[in-house]
Amino acid sequence: MHASPTIAPLFDRIHNALSTSPHVPNRQVRVEAAEGHVVLKGNVTSFFEKQMAQEAIRRVDGVRLIDNLLEVTWA
């Protein structure tokens, strides 16, 4: 029997991808994930950071769909 990946390892992989990206303010990004569908929430300070957060997790194993709901707020 082949075990499917659990949600916790997906969160770990997403967290690792976001925290190792130099362009993403990880502490300001919240992640929800279920069955490969990932939702990014929170605030960032530029459209570049918003895009880089999405790009950081695009190739994470187990991520199939990304809803980028990050809001750009000017400091």
C-alpha atoms as a PDB file:
ATOM      1  CA  MET A   1       0.000   0.000   0.000  1.00  0.00           C
ATOM      2  CA  HIS A   2       1.347   3.417  -0.990  1.00  0.00           C
ATOM      3  CA  ALA A   3       0.927   6.132   1.626  1.00  0.00           C
ATOM      4  CA  SER A   4      -0.121   9.523   0.338  1.00  0.00           C
ATOM      5  CA  PRO A   5       1.705  12.583   1.644  1.00  0.00           C
ATOM      6  CA  THR A   6       0.122  14.127   4.707  1.00  0.00           C
ATOM      7  CA  ILE A   7      -0.734  17.784   5.116  1.00  0.00           C
ATOM      8  CA  ALA A   8       2.005  18.481   7.692  1.00  0.00           C
ATOM      9  CA  PRO A   9       4.897  17.670   5.333  1.00  0.00           C
ATOM     10  CA  LEU A  10       3.295  19.895   2.676  1.00  0.00           C
ATOM     11  CA  PHE A  11       3.234  22.767   5.174  1.00  0.00           C
ATOM     12  CA  ASP A  12       6.869  22.023   6.019  1.00  0.00           C
ATOM     13  CA  ARG A  13       7.879  22.123   2.354  1.00  0.00           C
ATOM     14  CA  ILE A  14       5.951  25.359   1.766  1.00  0.00           C
ATOM     15  CA  HIS A  15       7.386  26.971   4.895  1.00  0.00           C
ATOM     16  CA  ASN A  16      10.895  25.962   3.852  1.00  0.00           C
ATOM     17  CA  ALA A  17      10.433  27.403   0.345  1.00  0.00           C
ATOM     18  CA  LEU A  18       9.115  30.700   1.711  1.00  0.00           C
ATOM     19  CA  SER A  19      11.690  31.025   4.486  1.00  0.00           C
ATOM     20  CA  THR A  20      14.629  30.376   2.159  1.00  0.00           C
ATOM     21  CA  SER A  21      13.515  32.931  -0.412  1.00  0.00           C
ATOM     22  CA  PRO A  22      15.361  36.231   0.073  1.00  0.00           C
ATOM     23  CA  HIS A  23      12.443  38.103  -1.530  1.00  0.00           C
ATOM     24  CA  VAL A  24       9.609  36.975   0.740  1.00  0.00           C
ATOM     25  CA  PRO A  25       8.839  38.505   4.155  1.00  0.00           C
ATOM     26  CA  ASN A  26       7.951  35.085   5.601  1.00  0.00           C
ATOM     27  CA  ARG A  27       6.601  36.380   8.893  1.00  0.00           C
ATOM     28  CA  GLN A  28       3.927  38.365   7.043  1.00  0.00           C
ATOM     29  CA  VAL A  29       2.676  35.500   4.867  1.00  0.00           C
ATOM     30  CA  ARG A  30       0.074  33.047   6.168  1.00  0.00           C
ATOM     31  CA  VAL A  31      -0.487  29.763   4.375  1.00  0.00           C
ATOM     32  CA  GLU A  32      -3.523  27.505   4.186  1.00  0.00           C
ATOM     33  CA  ALA A  33      -3.206  24.211   2.341  1.00  0.00           C
ATOM     34  CA  ALA A  34      -5.449  21.246   1.682  1.00  0.00           C
ATOM     35  CA  GLU A  35      -5.077  18.528  -0.929  1.00  0.00           C
ATOM     36  CA  GLY A  36      -2.564  20.515  -2.980  1.00  0.00           C
ATOM     37  CA  HIS A  37      -4.600  23.743  -2.951  1.00  0.00           C
ATOM     38  CA  VAL A  38      -2.568  26.506  -1.292  1.00  0.00           C
ATOM     39  CA  VAL A  39      -3.885  29.908  -0.260  1.00  0.00           C
ATOM     40  CA  LEU A  40      -1.435  32.713   0.520  1.00  0.00           C
ATOM     41  CA  LYS A  41      -2.777  35.434   2.836  1.00  0.00           C
ATOM     42  CA  GLY A  42      -1.311  38.413   4.606  1.00  0.00           C
ATOM     43  CA  ASN A  43       0.336  41.690   3.692  1.00  0.00           C
ATOM     44  CA  VAL A  44       3.467  42.456   1.727  1.00  0.00           C
ATOM     45  CA  THR A  45       5.001  45.801   0.795  1.00  0.00           C
ATOM     46  CA  SER A  46       5.285  45.367  -2.978  1.00  0.00           C
ATOM     47  CA  PHE A  47       3.836  43.550  -5.947  1.00  0.00           C
ATOM     48  CA  PHE A  48       7.299  42.012  -6.396  1.00  0.00           C
ATOM     49  CA  GLU A  49       7.086  40.364  -2.944  1.00  0.00           C
ATOM     50  CA  LYS A  50       3.579  39.113  -3.759  1.00  0.00           C
ATOM     51  CA  GLN A  51       4.787  37.493  -6.974  1.00  0.00           C
ATOM     52  CA  MET A  52       7.955  36.093  -5.375  1.00  0.00           C
ATOM     53  CA  ALA A  53       5.910  34.387  -2.635  1.00  0.00           C
ATOM     54  CA  GLN A  54       3.898  32.614  -5.311  1.00  0.00           C
ATOM     55  CA  GLU A  55       6.984  31.711  -7.322  1.00  0.00           C
ATOM     56  CA  ALA A  56       8.729  30.372  -4.204  1.00  0.00           C
ATOM     57  CA  ILE A  57       6.090  27.673  -3.752  1.00  0.00           C
ATOM     58  CA  ARG A  58       5.140  27.030  -7.381  1.00  0.00           C
ATOM     59  CA  ARG A  59       7.444  24.004  -7.707  1.00  0.00           C
ATOM     60  CA  VAL A  60       6.976  22.598  -4.195  1.00  0.00           C
ATOM     61  CA  ASP A  61       6.076  18.920  -4.392  1.00  0.00           C
ATOM     62  CA  GLY A  62       2.376  18.523  -3.623  1.00  0.00           C
ATOM     63  CA  VAL A  63       1.306  22.048  -4.623  1.00  0.00           C
ATOM     64  CA  ARG A  64      -1.226  21.881  -7.444  1.00  0.00           C
ATOM     65  CA  LEU A  65      -3.125  25.164  -7.199  1.00  0.00           C
ATOM     66  CA  ILE A  66      -2.167  28.523  -5.675  1.00  0.00           C
ATOM     67  CA  ASP A  67      -4.580  31.309  -4.722  1.00  0.00           C
ATOM     68  CA  ASN A  68      -2.440  34.350  -4.052  1.00  0.00           C
ATOM     69  CA  LEU A  69      -4.577  36.561  -1.816  1.00  0.00           C
ATOM     70  CA  LEU A  70      -1.635  38.564  -0.483  1.00  0.00           C
ATOM     71  CA  GLU A  71      -2.431  42.265  -0.208  1.00  0.00           C
ATOM     72  CA  VAL A  72       0.088  44.933  -1.071  1.00  0.00           C
ATOM     73  CA  THR A  73       0.160  47.650   1.578  1.00  0.00           C
ATOM     74  CA  TRP A  74       2.463  50.607   1.287  1.00  0.00           C
ATOM     75  CA  ALA A  75       4.295  51.330   4.530  1.00  0.00           C
END
